[in-house]
Amino acid sequence: MKKIKLLAVAASLLLLAGCSAMNKEECLSADWRLIGLQDGERGERLSQVGEYRKQCSEYGVTPDQDRYATGREEGLKSYCTKQSGFVNGKRDDKYKGVCPAESHDEFMAGYKIGQEYYAVQSEISELETKIRDNDYEFKEGTGKIDRLSLKVQQSSGSAEEKQSLMSQVLELSKKNVTLNTENVFLREKLAVKKYQYKLLQEKYGYR
């Protein structure tokens, strides 16, 4: 029982690592059915076992392809569902065409819905990032304006030097006005996109 638990942990680590190279211990203790099961649940192609064969060959280990294939086929039953298709589409994970004919359409139905969510989510993320960047730049500009304005007040330099400082203040002020105006537009657009996302949730029932 203890050995089985250790094998499960090793396989889980392999799953978390994606397709990273297997080390000697992993190759020697591999439960190929369990690895196949988890690869199936991730939508990996059967050819993935070939990568394990290359990685483990230097340790004199050859994957049990039959056990791997059996596990993978079982894992695909979990992967090739509409819900799984939605999850993978929403993450924009690449579909590798692994689902059998009888479940392909169901998976793709969910996947296409997930892609709709992903497209709107991506736009929301881009808008939020741009708004944050503009807010940061606005804050930085405001700080520079305050420092330059104080410098003008305390300056004992020539009129030309003061004029140069005031020109910098003016340029920064214009830029801040532009940033503020842009963010008003971006926030309106963000509100629209969030509403579109809400409509998707209401239409399909997925969150």
N, C-alpha and C. Protein backbone atom coordinates (compact mmCIF):
# COMPACT_ATOMS: atom_id res chain seq x y z
N MET A 1 0.83 -1.20 0.00
CA MET A 1 0.00 0.00 0.00
C MET A 1 0.88 1.26 0.00
N LYS A 2 1.92 1.23 0.82
CA LYS A 2 2.83 2.36 0.90
C LYS A 2 3.50 2.61 -0.44
N LYS A 3 3.89 1.51 -1.11
CA LYS A 3 4.55 1.63 -2.42
C LYS A 3 3.60 2.24 -3.44
N ILE A 4 2.33 1.84 -3.39
CA ILE A 4 1.34 2.37 -4.33
C ILE A 4 1.18 3.87 -4.13
N LYS A 5 1.14 4.29 -2.85
CA LYS A 5 1.02 5.72 -2.56
C LYS A 5 2.22 6.49 -3.09
N LEU A 6 3.40 5.92 -2.93
CA LEU A 6 4.61 6.58 -3.42
C LEU A 6 4.58 6.70 -4.94
N LEU A 7 4.09 5.66 -5.60
CA LEU A 7 4.00 5.70 -7.06
C LEU A 7 3.00 6.76 -7.49
N ALA A 8 1.92 6.87 -6.77
CA ALA A 8 0.90 7.87 -7.10
C ALA A 8 1.46 9.27 -6.95
N VAL A 9 2.25 9.48 -5.89
CA VAL A 9 2.87 10.79 -5.67
C VAL A 9 3.82 11.11 -6.81
N ALA A 10 4.64 10.11 -7.19
CA ALA A 10 5.59 10.31 -8.28
C ALA A 10 4.88 10.67 -9.57
N ALA A 11 3.78 9.97 -9.84
CA ALA A 11 3.03 10.25 -11.07
C ALA A 11 2.40 11.63 -11.01
N SER A 12 1.93 12.02 -9.83
CA SER A 12 1.33 13.34 -9.68
C SER A 12 2.35 14.43 -9.92
N LEU A 13 3.57 14.21 -9.43
CA LEU A 13 4.64 15.17 -9.67
C LEU A 13 4.94 15.27 -11.15
N LEU A 14 4.90 14.14 -11.81
CA LEU A 14 5.13 14.13 -13.25
C LEU A 14 4.04 14.92 -13.96
N LEU A 15 2.81 14.75 -13.49
CA LEU A 15 1.70 15.49 -14.07
C LEU A 15 1.89 16.98 -13.90
N LEU A 16 2.28 17.40 -12.70
CA LEU A 16 2.49 18.81 -12.44
C LEU A 16 3.62 19.37 -13.29
N ALA A 17 4.59 18.55 -13.58
CA ALA A 17 5.73 18.98 -14.36
C ALA A 17 5.43 19.00 -15.85
N GLY A 18 4.22 18.54 -16.24
CA GLY A 18 3.87 18.51 -17.65
C GLY A 18 4.69 17.47 -18.35
N CYS A 19 5.36 17.87 -19.41
CA CYS A 19 6.14 16.92 -20.20
C CYS A 19 7.63 17.07 -19.92
N SER A 20 7.99 17.46 -18.71
CA SER A 20 9.40 17.59 -18.37
C SER A 20 10.03 16.21 -18.30
N ALA A 21 11.35 16.19 -18.38
CA ALA A 21 12.08 14.92 -18.43
C ALA A 21 11.91 14.12 -17.13
N MET A 22 11.76 12.81 -17.29
CA MET A 22 11.68 11.93 -16.14
C MET A 22 13.09 11.61 -15.66
N ASN A 23 13.28 11.62 -14.35
CA ASN A 23 14.59 11.27 -13.83
C ASN A 23 14.67 9.76 -13.59
N LYS A 24 15.82 9.30 -13.11
CA LYS A 24 16.03 7.87 -12.95
C LYS A 24 15.02 7.25 -12.00
N GLU A 25 14.79 7.88 -10.87
CA GLU A 25 13.86 7.32 -9.88
C GLU A 25 12.45 7.22 -10.45
N GLU A 26 12.03 8.24 -11.19
CA GLU A 26 10.69 8.22 -11.79
C GLU A 26 10.57 7.11 -12.83
N CYS A 27 11.61 6.94 -13.61
CA CYS A 27 11.59 5.88 -14.63
C CYS A 27 11.53 4.49 -13.99
N LEU A 28 12.32 4.29 -12.96
CA LEU A 28 12.40 2.97 -12.33
C LEU A 28 11.12 2.63 -11.56
N SER A 29 10.45 3.63 -11.02
CA SER A 29 9.27 3.35 -10.18
C SER A 29 7.96 3.66 -10.89
N ALA A 30 8.03 3.97 -12.18
CA ALA A 30 6.85 4.44 -12.91
C ALA A 30 5.72 3.41 -12.95
N ASP A 31 4.53 3.87 -12.67
CA ASP A 31 3.31 3.09 -12.89
C ASP A 31 2.75 3.59 -14.22
N TRP A 32 3.01 2.86 -15.29
CA TRP A 32 2.70 3.36 -16.63
C TRP A 32 1.21 3.50 -16.88
N ARG A 33 0.42 2.69 -16.22
CA ARG A 33 -1.02 2.85 -16.37
C ARG A 33 -1.47 4.16 -15.73
N LEU A 34 -0.93 4.48 -14.56
CA LEU A 34 -1.30 5.71 -13.87
C LEU A 34 -0.83 6.93 -14.65
N ILE A 35 0.38 6.84 -15.19
CA ILE A 35 0.90 7.95 -16.00
C ILE A 35 0.03 8.13 -17.24
N GLY A 36 -0.33 7.01 -17.88
CA GLY A 36 -1.21 7.08 -19.04
C GLY A 36 -2.56 7.67 -18.68
N LEU A 37 -3.09 7.30 -17.52
CA LEU A 37 -4.37 7.82 -17.05
C LEU A 37 -4.32 9.34 -16.94
N GLN A 38 -3.28 9.83 -16.30
CA GLN A 38 -3.17 11.27 -16.09
C GLN A 38 -2.88 12.02 -17.40
N ASP A 39 -2.11 11.40 -18.29
CA ASP A 39 -1.89 12.02 -19.60
C ASP A 39 -3.19 12.06 -20.39
N GLY A 40 -4.00 11.02 -20.26
CA GLY A 40 -5.29 11.01 -20.92
C GLY A 40 -6.19 12.12 -20.38
N GLU A 41 -6.16 12.33 -19.09
CA GLU A 41 -6.96 13.38 -18.47
C GLU A 41 -6.50 14.77 -18.90
N ARG A 42 -5.25 14.86 -19.36
CA ARG A 42 -4.70 16.13 -19.84
C ARG A 42 -4.82 16.28 -21.35
N GLY A 43 -5.33 15.23 -22.02
CA GLY A 43 -5.50 15.30 -23.47
C GLY A 43 -4.22 15.14 -24.25
N GLU A 44 -3.28 14.34 -23.71
CA GLU A 44 -2.02 14.10 -24.41
C GLU A 44 -2.21 13.04 -25.50
N ARG A 45 -1.42 13.14 -26.54
CA ARG A 45 -1.45 12.14 -27.61
C ARG A 45 -0.78 10.85 -27.13
N LEU A 46 -1.10 9.74 -27.79
CA LEU A 46 -0.49 8.46 -27.46
C LEU A 46 1.01 8.50 -27.69
N SER A 47 1.43 9.33 -28.62
CA SER A 47 2.86 9.44 -28.94
C SER A 47 3.69 9.98 -27.77
N GLN A 48 3.02 10.50 -26.73
CA GLN A 48 3.75 11.00 -25.57
C GLN A 48 4.58 9.90 -24.92
N VAL A 49 4.12 8.66 -25.03
CA VAL A 49 4.86 7.56 -24.43
C VAL A 49 6.23 7.42 -25.10
N GLY A 50 6.32 7.85 -26.34
CA GLY A 50 7.61 7.84 -27.03
C GLY A 50 8.62 8.76 -26.38
N GLU A 51 8.13 9.88 -25.84
CA GLU A 51 9.02 10.79 -25.13
C GLU A 51 9.54 10.15 -23.86
N TYR A 52 8.66 9.43 -23.17
CA TYR A 52 9.09 8.74 -21.95
C TYR A 52 10.10 7.64 -22.29
N ARG A 53 9.92 7.01 -23.45
CA ARG A 53 10.85 5.96 -23.87
C ARG A 53 12.26 6.54 -24.05
N LYS A 54 12.32 7.71 -24.67
CA LYS A 54 13.62 8.38 -24.87
C LYS A 54 14.24 8.77 -23.53
N GLN A 55 13.40 9.32 -22.65
CA GLN A 55 13.91 9.81 -21.36
C GLN A 55 14.39 8.68 -20.46
N CYS A 56 13.73 7.54 -20.54
CA CYS A 56 14.05 6.43 -19.63
C CYS A 56 15.05 5.42 -20.21
N SER A 57 15.35 5.56 -21.50
CA SER A 57 16.23 4.59 -22.15
C SER A 57 17.61 4.55 -21.51
N GLU A 58 18.10 5.70 -21.07
CA GLU A 58 19.45 5.74 -20.47
C GLU A 58 19.50 5.03 -19.13
N TYR A 59 18.33 4.74 -18.56
CA TYR A 59 18.29 4.02 -17.29
C TYR A 59 17.88 2.56 -17.51
N GLY A 60 17.83 2.16 -18.77
CA GLY A 60 17.48 0.79 -19.10
C GLY A 60 16.03 0.45 -18.88
N VAL A 61 15.18 1.47 -18.91
CA VAL A 61 13.75 1.28 -18.67
C VAL A 61 12.96 1.52 -19.95
N THR A 62 12.09 0.58 -20.27
CA THR A 62 11.21 0.73 -21.43
C THR A 62 9.76 0.82 -20.93
N PRO A 63 9.05 1.89 -21.27
CA PRO A 63 7.66 2.02 -20.81
C PRO A 63 6.81 0.85 -21.25
N ASP A 64 5.88 0.47 -20.42
CA ASP A 64 4.92 -0.56 -20.77
C ASP A 64 3.82 0.14 -21.58
N GLN A 65 3.94 0.08 -22.89
CA GLN A 65 3.05 0.83 -23.76
C GLN A 65 1.60 0.37 -23.64
N ASP A 66 1.38 -0.92 -23.43
CA ASP A 66 0.02 -1.43 -23.31
C ASP A 66 -0.66 -0.86 -22.06
N ARG A 67 0.08 -0.88 -20.95
CA ARG A 67 -0.49 -0.34 -19.71
C ARG A 67 -0.70 1.17 -19.84
N TYR A 68 0.26 1.84 -20.47
CA TYR A 68 0.13 3.28 -20.68
C TYR A 68 -1.11 3.58 -21.53
N ALA A 69 -1.28 2.84 -22.63
CA ALA A 69 -2.41 3.05 -23.53
C ALA A 69 -3.74 2.79 -22.83
N THR A 70 -3.77 1.74 -21.99
CA THR A 70 -4.98 1.42 -21.24
C THR A 70 -5.36 2.56 -20.30
N GLY A 71 -4.35 3.06 -19.58
CA GLY A 71 -4.59 4.16 -18.65
C GLY A 71 -5.01 5.42 -19.38
N ARG A 72 -4.33 5.71 -20.49
CA ARG A 72 -4.64 6.92 -21.26
C ARG A 72 -6.07 6.87 -21.79
N GLU A 73 -6.48 5.72 -22.29
CA GLU A 73 -7.85 5.58 -22.81
C GLU A 73 -8.88 5.85 -21.72
N GLU A 74 -8.59 5.38 -20.51
CA GLU A 74 -9.48 5.64 -19.39
C GLU A 74 -9.49 7.13 -19.05
N GLY A 75 -8.31 7.75 -19.09
CA GLY A 75 -8.22 9.18 -18.79
C GLY A 75 -8.95 10.04 -19.81
N LEU A 76 -8.94 9.60 -21.06
CA LEU A 76 -9.63 10.36 -22.10
C LEU A 76 -11.14 10.43 -21.87
N LYS A 77 -11.67 9.47 -21.13
CA LYS A 77 -13.11 9.49 -20.84
C LYS A 77 -13.45 10.72 -20.00
N SER A 78 -12.53 11.12 -19.13
CA SER A 78 -12.73 12.32 -18.33
C SER A 78 -12.45 13.58 -19.14
N TYR A 79 -11.46 13.47 -20.02
CA TYR A 79 -11.06 14.63 -20.82
C TYR A 79 -12.07 14.96 -21.90
N CYS A 80 -12.58 13.97 -22.56
CA CYS A 80 -13.43 14.17 -23.74
C CYS A 80 -14.90 14.37 -23.37
N THR A 81 -15.15 15.40 -22.58
CA THR A 81 -16.51 15.75 -22.19
C THR A 81 -16.73 17.23 -22.51
N LYS A 82 -17.97 17.64 -22.52
CA LYS A 82 -18.29 19.04 -22.80
C LYS A 82 -17.71 19.96 -21.73
N GLN A 83 -17.83 19.54 -20.45
CA GLN A 83 -17.30 20.35 -19.36
C GLN A 83 -15.79 20.52 -19.48
N SER A 84 -15.10 19.43 -19.76
CA SER A 84 -13.65 19.50 -19.94
C SER A 84 -13.29 20.36 -21.15
N GLY A 85 -14.06 20.23 -22.21
CA GLY A 85 -13.82 21.06 -23.39
C GLY A 85 -13.94 22.53 -23.04
N PHE A 86 -14.95 22.87 -22.25
CA PHE A 86 -15.12 24.26 -21.83
C PHE A 86 -13.92 24.75 -21.03
N VAL A 87 -13.49 23.94 -20.04
CA VAL A 87 -12.37 24.32 -19.19
C VAL A 87 -11.10 24.54 -20.02
N ASN A 88 -10.84 23.64 -20.96
CA ASN A 88 -9.65 23.76 -21.79
C ASN A 88 -9.75 24.93 -22.76
N GLY A 89 -10.95 25.16 -23.30
CA GLY A 89 -11.13 26.29 -24.20
C GLY A 89 -10.99 27.61 -23.48
N LYS A 90 -11.51 27.68 -22.26
CA LYS A 90 -11.43 28.91 -21.47
C LYS A 90 -9.99 29.24 -21.11
N ARG A 91 -9.16 28.20 -20.94
CA ARG A 91 -7.73 28.40 -20.64
C ARG A 91 -6.93 28.62 -21.91
N ASP A 92 -7.58 28.44 -23.06
CA ASP A 92 -6.91 28.51 -24.36
C ASP A 92 -5.85 27.44 -24.51
N ASP A 93 -6.09 26.28 -23.88
CA ASP A 93 -5.20 25.14 -24.05
C ASP A 93 -5.39 24.56 -25.44
N LYS A 94 -4.30 24.12 -26.04
CA LYS A 94 -4.38 23.57 -27.39
C LYS A 94 -5.04 22.19 -27.36
N TYR A 95 -6.02 21.99 -28.23
CA TYR A 95 -6.64 20.68 -28.36
C TYR A 95 -5.86 19.86 -29.38
N LYS A 96 -5.45 18.68 -28.99
CA LYS A 96 -4.57 17.87 -29.83
C LYS A 96 -5.30 16.81 -30.64
N GLY A 97 -6.62 16.95 -30.74
CA GLY A 97 -7.39 16.03 -31.58
C GLY A 97 -7.41 14.60 -31.08
N VAL A 98 -7.46 14.43 -29.77
CA VAL A 98 -7.32 13.09 -29.20
C VAL A 98 -8.65 12.39 -28.92
N CYS A 99 -9.74 13.11 -28.94
CA CYS A 99 -11.02 12.50 -28.57
C CYS A 99 -11.55 11.59 -29.69
N PRO A 100 -12.07 10.43 -29.32
CA PRO A 100 -12.65 9.52 -30.33
C PRO A 100 -13.90 10.14 -30.94
N ALA A 101 -14.31 9.60 -32.08
CA ALA A 101 -15.43 10.16 -32.84
C ALA A 101 -16.68 10.34 -32.00
N GLU A 102 -16.96 9.39 -31.10
CA GLU A 102 -18.20 9.43 -30.35
C GLU A 102 -18.25 10.55 -29.30
N SER A 103 -17.10 11.10 -28.93
CA SER A 103 -17.09 12.18 -27.93
C SER A 103 -16.46 13.47 -28.46
N HIS A 104 -15.96 13.44 -29.68
CA HIS A 104 -15.29 14.62 -30.26
C HIS A 104 -16.22 15.83 -30.32
N ASP A 105 -17.43 15.64 -30.85
CA ASP A 105 -18.35 16.77 -31.01
C ASP A 105 -18.76 17.37 -29.67
N GLU A 106 -18.95 16.50 -28.68
CA GLU A 106 -19.32 16.98 -27.34
C GLU A 106 -18.20 17.83 -26.74
N PHE A 107 -16.96 17.32 -26.86
CA PHE A 107 -15.81 18.07 -26.35
C PHE A 107 -15.71 19.41 -27.06
N MET A 108 -15.81 19.42 -28.38
CA MET A 108 -15.63 20.64 -29.16
C MET A 108 -16.74 21.65 -28.89
N ALA A 109 -17.95 21.16 -28.57
CA ALA A 109 -19.03 22.08 -28.23
C ALA A 109 -18.65 22.89 -27.00
N GLY A 110 -18.12 22.20 -25.98
CA GLY A 110 -17.67 22.89 -24.78
C GLY A 110 -16.45 23.75 -25.04
N TYR A 111 -15.55 23.25 -25.88
CA TYR A 111 -14.31 23.97 -26.18
C TYR A 111 -14.60 25.31 -26.85
N LYS A 112 -15.54 25.31 -27.79
CA LYS A 112 -15.87 26.55 -28.50
C LYS A 112 -16.51 27.58 -27.57
N ILE A 113 -17.33 27.09 -26.65
CA ILE A 113 -17.89 28.00 -25.64
C ILE A 113 -16.77 28.59 -24.78
N GLY A 114 -15.87 27.72 -24.35
CA GLY A 114 -14.73 28.17 -23.55
C GLY A 114 -13.90 29.21 -24.28
N GLN A 115 -13.74 29.04 -25.58
CA GLN A 115 -12.98 30.01 -26.37
C GLN A 115 -13.68 31.37 -26.41
N GLU A 116 -15.01 31.35 -26.40
CA GLU A 116 -15.75 32.62 -26.34
C GLU A 116 -15.45 33.34 -25.03
N TYR A 117 -15.46 32.56 -23.95
CA TYR A 117 -15.13 33.13 -22.64
C TYR A 117 -13.70 33.67 -22.65
N TYR A 118 -12.79 32.88 -23.20
CA TYR A 118 -11.38 33.27 -23.22
C TYR A 118 -11.18 34.58 -23.97
N ALA A 119 -11.85 34.73 -25.11
CA ALA A 119 -11.69 35.93 -25.93
C ALA A 119 -12.10 37.18 -25.15
N VAL A 120 -13.24 37.10 -24.47
CA VAL A 120 -13.72 38.26 -23.71
C VAL A 120 -12.83 38.49 -22.48
N GLN A 121 -12.45 37.40 -21.82
CA GLN A 121 -11.56 37.52 -20.65
C GLN A 121 -10.24 38.18 -21.04
N SER A 122 -9.71 37.83 -22.18
CA SER A 122 -8.44 38.39 -22.64
C SER A 122 -8.57 39.90 -22.84
N GLU A 123 -9.69 40.32 -23.43
CA GLU A 123 -9.90 41.75 -23.64
C GLU A 123 -10.04 42.48 -22.31
N ILE A 124 -10.75 41.84 -21.37
CA ILE A 124 -10.90 42.44 -20.04
C ILE A 124 -9.54 42.59 -19.38
N SER A 125 -8.72 41.55 -19.46
CA SER A 125 -7.38 41.58 -18.85
C SER A 125 -6.51 42.67 -19.48
N GLU A 126 -6.56 42.79 -20.81
CA GLU A 126 -5.77 43.81 -21.50
C GLU A 126 -6.21 45.22 -21.10
N LEU A 127 -7.52 45.41 -21.01
CA LEU A 127 -8.03 46.73 -20.62
C LEU A 127 -7.63 47.07 -19.18
N GLU A 128 -7.76 46.09 -18.28
CA GLU A 128 -7.39 46.34 -16.88
C GLU A 128 -5.92 46.66 -16.74
N THR A 129 -5.09 45.96 -17.52
CA THR A 129 -3.66 46.23 -17.48
C THR A 129 -3.34 47.63 -17.99
N LYS A 130 -3.98 48.02 -19.09
CA LYS A 130 -3.75 49.35 -19.66
C LYS A 130 -4.20 50.43 -18.71
N ILE A 131 -5.35 50.23 -18.06
CA ILE A 131 -5.85 51.21 -17.09
C ILE A 131 -4.89 51.34 -15.92
N ARG A 132 -4.39 50.22 -15.42
CA ARG A 132 -3.42 50.27 -14.31
C ARG A 132 -2.15 50.99 -14.73
N ASP A 133 -1.67 50.69 -15.94
CA ASP A 133 -0.46 51.35 -16.43
C ASP A 133 -0.66 52.86 -16.54
N ASN A 134 -1.82 53.26 -17.06
CA ASN A 134 -2.12 54.69 -17.19
C ASN A 134 -2.23 55.36 -15.83
N ASP A 135 -2.88 54.66 -14.88
CA ASP A 135 -3.00 55.21 -13.53
C ASP A 135 -1.63 55.41 -12.89
N TYR A 136 -0.76 54.43 -13.10
CA TYR A 136 0.60 54.53 -12.54
C TYR A 136 1.35 55.70 -13.18
N GLU A 137 1.24 55.81 -14.51
CA GLU A 137 1.93 56.89 -15.22
C GLU A 137 1.37 58.25 -14.80
N PHE A 138 0.06 58.30 -14.61
CA PHE A 138 -0.58 59.54 -14.16
C PHE A 138 -0.05 59.95 -12.78
N LYS A 139 0.04 58.96 -11.88
CA LYS A 139 0.54 59.22 -10.53
C LYS A 139 1.99 59.70 -10.56
N GLU A 140 2.79 59.04 -11.39
CA GLU A 140 4.19 59.45 -11.53
C GLU A 140 4.29 60.87 -12.09
N GLY A 141 3.46 61.16 -13.09
CA GLY A 141 3.45 62.50 -13.69
C GLY A 141 3.04 63.56 -12.69
N THR A 142 2.04 63.23 -11.86
CA THR A 142 1.58 64.18 -10.85
C THR A 142 2.69 64.49 -9.85
N GLY A 143 3.44 63.47 -9.47
CA GLY A 143 4.57 63.67 -8.55
C GLY A 143 5.63 64.57 -9.16
N LYS A 144 5.92 64.36 -10.44
CA LYS A 144 6.92 65.19 -11.12
C LYS A 144 6.44 66.64 -11.23
N ILE A 145 5.14 66.80 -11.52
CA ILE A 145 4.57 68.15 -11.62
C ILE A 145 4.71 68.89 -10.28
N ASP A 146 4.41 68.19 -9.19
CA ASP A 146 4.51 68.80 -7.87
C ASP A 146 5.95 69.20 -7.55
N ARG A 147 6.89 68.31 -7.90
CA ARG A 147 8.30 68.62 -7.61
C ARG A 147 8.81 69.77 -8.47
N LEU A 148 8.42 69.78 -9.73
CA LEU A 148 8.86 70.86 -10.63
C LEU A 148 8.23 72.19 -10.23
N SER A 149 6.96 72.14 -9.82
CA SER A 149 6.28 73.37 -9.41
C SER A 149 6.94 73.97 -8.17
N LEU A 150 7.30 73.10 -7.24
CA LEU A 150 7.99 73.56 -6.04
C LEU A 150 9.35 74.14 -6.40
N LYS A 151 10.01 73.50 -7.35
CA LYS A 151 11.32 73.98 -7.80
C LYS A 151 11.22 75.36 -8.43
N VAL A 152 10.12 75.60 -9.17
CA VAL A 152 9.91 76.91 -9.79
C VAL A 152 9.73 77.96 -8.70
N GLN A 153 8.92 77.62 -7.68
CA GLN A 153 8.66 78.57 -6.60
C GLN A 153 9.92 78.92 -5.82
N GLN A 154 10.78 77.94 -5.66
CA GLN A 154 11.99 78.14 -4.83
C GLN A 154 13.20 78.57 -5.65
N SER A 155 13.04 78.58 -6.97
CA SER A 155 14.17 78.87 -7.84
C SER A 155 14.61 80.32 -7.76
N SER A 156 15.91 80.51 -7.75
CA SER A 156 16.48 81.85 -7.80
C SER A 156 17.23 82.03 -9.12
N GLY A 157 16.94 81.13 -10.07
CA GLY A 157 17.61 81.17 -11.35
C GLY A 157 17.03 82.23 -12.27
N SER A 158 17.48 82.18 -13.51
CA SER A 158 17.06 83.16 -14.50
C SER A 158 15.63 82.88 -14.97
N ALA A 159 15.08 83.88 -15.68
CA ALA A 159 13.72 83.74 -16.22
C ALA A 159 13.66 82.58 -17.21
N GLU A 160 14.76 82.39 -17.95
CA GLU A 160 14.81 81.30 -18.93
C GLU A 160 14.75 79.92 -18.24
N GLU A 161 15.45 79.81 -17.12
CA GLU A 161 15.43 78.54 -16.38
C GLU A 161 14.03 78.24 -15.83
N LYS A 162 13.38 79.28 -15.30
CA LYS A 162 12.03 79.11 -14.78
C LYS A 162 11.06 78.75 -15.90
N GLN A 163 11.26 79.40 -17.07
CA GLN A 163 10.40 79.12 -18.22
C GLN A 163 10.55 77.67 -18.67
N SER A 164 11.79 77.16 -18.61
CA SER A 164 12.05 75.78 -18.98
C SER A 164 11.33 74.83 -18.04
N LEU A 165 11.38 75.14 -16.74
CA LEU A 165 10.70 74.31 -15.76
C LEU A 165 9.18 74.34 -15.96
N MET A 166 8.65 75.52 -16.24
CA MET A 166 7.21 75.66 -16.46
C MET A 166 6.77 74.92 -17.73
N SER A 167 7.65 74.89 -18.73
CA SER A 167 7.33 74.16 -19.96
C SER A 167 7.22 72.66 -19.68
N GLN A 168 8.11 72.18 -18.82
CA GLN A 168 8.06 70.77 -18.44
C GLN A 168 6.77 70.45 -17.68
N VAL A 169 6.40 71.38 -16.79
CA VAL A 169 5.15 71.20 -16.04
C VAL A 169 3.97 71.16 -16.99
N LEU A 170 3.98 72.05 -17.99
CA LEU A 170 2.88 72.11 -18.95
C LEU A 170 2.78 70.81 -19.76
N GLU A 171 3.91 70.29 -20.20
CA GLU A 171 3.92 69.06 -20.99
C GLU A 171 3.42 67.88 -20.17
N LEU A 172 3.88 67.82 -18.93
CA LEU A 172 3.42 66.74 -18.05
C LEU A 172 1.93 66.86 -17.76
N SER A 173 1.45 68.08 -17.61
CA SER A 173 0.03 68.30 -17.35
C SER A 173 -0.80 67.87 -18.54
N LYS A 174 -0.34 68.19 -19.75
CA LYS A 174 -1.04 67.78 -20.97
C LYS A 174 -1.10 66.25 -21.07
N LYS A 175 0.03 65.64 -20.74
CA LYS A 175 0.08 64.18 -20.80
C LYS A 175 -0.88 63.56 -19.80
N ASN A 176 -0.95 64.14 -18.61
CA ASN A 176 -1.87 63.61 -17.60
C ASN A 176 -3.32 63.76 -18.02
N VAL A 177 -3.62 64.87 -18.69
CA VAL A 177 -4.99 65.06 -19.19
C VAL A 177 -5.31 63.97 -20.22
N THR A 178 -4.33 63.68 -21.10
CA THR A 178 -4.52 62.64 -22.11
C THR A 178 -4.72 61.27 -21.47
N LEU A 179 -3.90 60.97 -20.45
CA LEU A 179 -4.02 59.70 -19.75
C LEU A 179 -5.37 59.56 -19.06
N ASN A 180 -5.81 60.64 -18.43
CA ASN A 180 -7.09 60.62 -17.73
C ASN A 180 -8.25 60.44 -18.70
N THR A 181 -8.17 61.14 -19.83
CA THR A 181 -9.22 61.03 -20.85
C THR A 181 -9.27 59.62 -21.42
N GLU A 182 -8.08 59.05 -21.68
CA GLU A 182 -8.02 57.69 -22.22
C GLU A 182 -8.61 56.69 -21.23
N ASN A 183 -8.32 56.87 -19.95
CA ASN A 183 -8.83 55.93 -18.96
C ASN A 183 -10.35 56.02 -18.79
N VAL A 184 -10.91 57.20 -19.00
CA VAL A 184 -12.37 57.32 -18.97
C VAL A 184 -12.97 56.44 -20.07
N PHE A 185 -12.39 56.52 -21.26
CA PHE A 185 -12.85 55.70 -22.39
C PHE A 185 -12.62 54.22 -22.12
N LEU A 186 -11.43 53.87 -21.59
CA LEU A 186 -11.10 52.47 -21.33
C LEU A 186 -12.01 51.87 -20.27
N ARG A 187 -12.35 52.64 -19.26
CA ARG A 187 -13.23 52.12 -18.20
C ARG A 187 -14.65 51.88 -18.74
N GLU A 188 -15.08 52.72 -19.65
CA GLU A 188 -16.38 52.51 -20.28
C GLU A 188 -16.36 51.22 -21.11
N LYS A 189 -15.27 51.05 -21.84
CA LYS A 189 -15.12 49.85 -22.67
C LYS A 189 -15.02 48.61 -21.79
N LEU A 190 -14.32 48.73 -20.66
CA LEU A 190 -14.19 47.61 -19.72
C LEU A 190 -15.56 47.21 -19.16
N ALA A 191 -16.38 48.19 -18.85
CA ALA A 191 -17.71 47.90 -18.33
C ALA A 191 -18.54 47.12 -19.36
N VAL A 192 -18.39 47.49 -20.63
CA VAL A 192 -19.11 46.79 -21.70
C VAL A 192 -18.64 45.34 -21.79
N LYS A 193 -17.32 45.13 -21.73
CA LYS A 193 -16.78 43.78 -21.84
C LYS A 193 -17.20 42.91 -20.65
N LYS A 194 -17.23 43.50 -19.48
CA LYS A 194 -17.66 42.74 -18.30
C LYS A 194 -19.14 42.36 -18.42
N TYR A 195 -19.91 43.26 -19.03
CA TYR A 195 -21.32 42.95 -19.26
C TYR A 195 -21.46 41.82 -20.28
N GLN A 196 -20.62 41.86 -21.31
CA GLN A 196 -20.63 40.79 -22.31
C GLN A 196 -20.29 39.44 -21.66
N TYR A 197 -19.34 39.48 -20.74
CA TYR A 197 -18.95 38.24 -20.03
C TYR A 197 -20.12 37.73 -19.19
N LYS A 198 -20.83 38.64 -18.56
CA LYS A 198 -22.00 38.25 -17.76
C LYS A 198 -23.07 37.63 -18.65
N LEU A 199 -23.25 38.17 -19.85
CA LEU A 199 -24.22 37.62 -20.78
C LEU A 199 -23.83 36.21 -21.22
N LEU A 200 -22.52 35.97 -21.38
CA LEU A 200 -22.05 34.63 -21.72
C LEU A 200 -22.40 33.65 -20.60
N GLN A 201 -22.20 34.07 -19.38
CA GLN A 201 -22.50 33.21 -18.24
C GLN A 201 -24.00 32.89 -18.18
N GLU A 202 -24.80 33.90 -18.47
CA GLU A 202 -26.25 33.69 -18.45
C GLU A 202 -26.69 32.80 -19.61
N LYS A 203 -26.03 32.95 -20.75
CA LYS A 203 -26.39 32.17 -21.95
C LYS A 203 -26.03 30.70 -21.80
N TYR A 204 -24.80 30.44 -21.31
CA TYR A 204 -24.32 29.07 -21.28
C TYR A 204 -24.38 28.40 -19.91
N GLY A 205 -24.46 29.22 -18.86
CA GLY A 205 -24.54 28.65 -17.51
C GLY A 205 -23.21 28.32 -16.89
N TYR A 206 -22.13 28.52 -17.63
CA TYR A 206 -20.79 28.27 -17.09
C TYR A 206 -20.28 29.51 -16.37
N ARG A 207 -19.49 29.31 -15.33
CA ARG A 207 -18.92 30.43 -14.58
C ARG A 207 -17.43 30.54 -14.81
